[in-house]
């Protein structure tokens, strides 16, 4: 898994797309593998643009492009 390798590497920033809920679940799953708490805490998420204009992703994308 690329995310696990990135967290073990000396990369200065590791981020993942997804919701806050998904990010928390992802961190819990990563702790079940051979990653320690310090490595998992390096994961930033969710990353991306935040738009409160609409709850619908397609509309958010369209408003961002304009």
Protein backbone atom coordinates (compact mmCIF):
# COMPACT_ATOMS: atom_id res chain seq x y z
CA UNK A 1 0.00 0.00 0.00
CA UNK A 2 1.48 3.28 -1.13
CA UNK A 3 0.14 5.23 1.84
CA UNK A 4 1.93 2.97 4.33
CA UNK A 5 5.21 3.30 2.44
CA UNK A 6 4.83 7.07 2.29
CA UNK A 7 4.25 7.25 6.05
CA UNK A 8 7.41 5.22 6.65
CA UNK A 9 9.45 7.44 4.34
CA UNK A 10 11.10 10.78 5.16
CA UNK A 11 8.44 12.61 3.09
CA UNK A 12 7.64 15.96 4.68
CA UNK A 13 3.90 15.79 3.88
CA UNK A 14 1.57 12.83 3.40
CA UNK A 15 -2.09 13.53 2.74
CA UNK A 16 -5.16 11.59 1.66
CA UNK A 17 -8.47 12.59 0.14
CA UNK A 18 -11.71 11.66 1.85
CA UNK A 19 -14.04 12.85 4.55
CA UNK A 20 -13.03 13.47 8.16
CA UNK A 21 -14.90 10.31 9.10
CA UNK A 22 -13.03 8.33 6.45
CA UNK A 23 -9.71 9.79 7.58
CA UNK A 24 -10.31 8.68 11.17
CA UNK A 25 -11.22 5.16 10.05
CA UNK A 26 -8.14 5.07 7.79
CA UNK A 27 -5.89 5.99 10.73
CA UNK A 28 -7.45 3.27 12.88
CA UNK A 29 -6.83 0.69 10.14
CA UNK A 30 -3.23 1.81 9.65
CA UNK A 31 -2.53 1.19 13.34
CA UNK A 32 -3.51 -2.45 12.79
CA UNK A 33 -0.56 -2.81 10.40
CA UNK A 34 3.12 -2.28 11.21
CA UNK A 35 2.84 1.49 11.67
CA UNK A 36 3.23 3.19 15.02
CA UNK A 37 1.15 6.09 16.36
CA UNK A 38 3.78 8.67 15.40
CA UNK A 39 3.81 7.51 11.79
CA UNK A 40 0.01 7.48 11.56
CA UNK A 41 -0.23 10.99 13.01
CA UNK A 42 1.86 12.24 10.06
CA UNK A 43 -1.13 11.56 7.82
CA UNK A 44 -2.94 14.78 6.95
CA UNK A 45 -6.52 14.59 5.91
CA UNK A 46 -8.78 15.31 4.49
CA UNK A 47 -6.83 17.28 1.91
CA UNK A 48 -8.32 19.29 -0.92
CA UNK A 49 -10.50 22.31 -1.34
CA UNK A 50 -13.35 22.99 1.04
CA UNK A 51 -16.48 24.61 -0.27
CA UNK A 52 -19.55 25.24 1.82
CA UNK A 53 -21.50 26.38 -1.23
CA UNK A 54 -23.24 23.06 -1.78
CA UNK A 55 -23.29 19.59 -0.26
CA UNK A 56 -23.29 18.11 -3.76
CA UNK A 57 -19.73 17.38 -5.03
CA UNK A 58 -20.53 18.04 -8.69
CA UNK A 59 -21.88 21.52 -7.86
CA UNK A 60 -18.86 22.28 -5.67
CA UNK A 61 -16.55 21.35 -8.54
CA UNK A 62 -18.45 23.50 -11.00
CA UNK A 63 -18.41 26.52 -8.67
CA UNK A 64 -14.67 26.05 -8.08
CA UNK A 65 -13.94 25.99 -11.83
CA UNK A 66 -15.77 29.26 -12.50
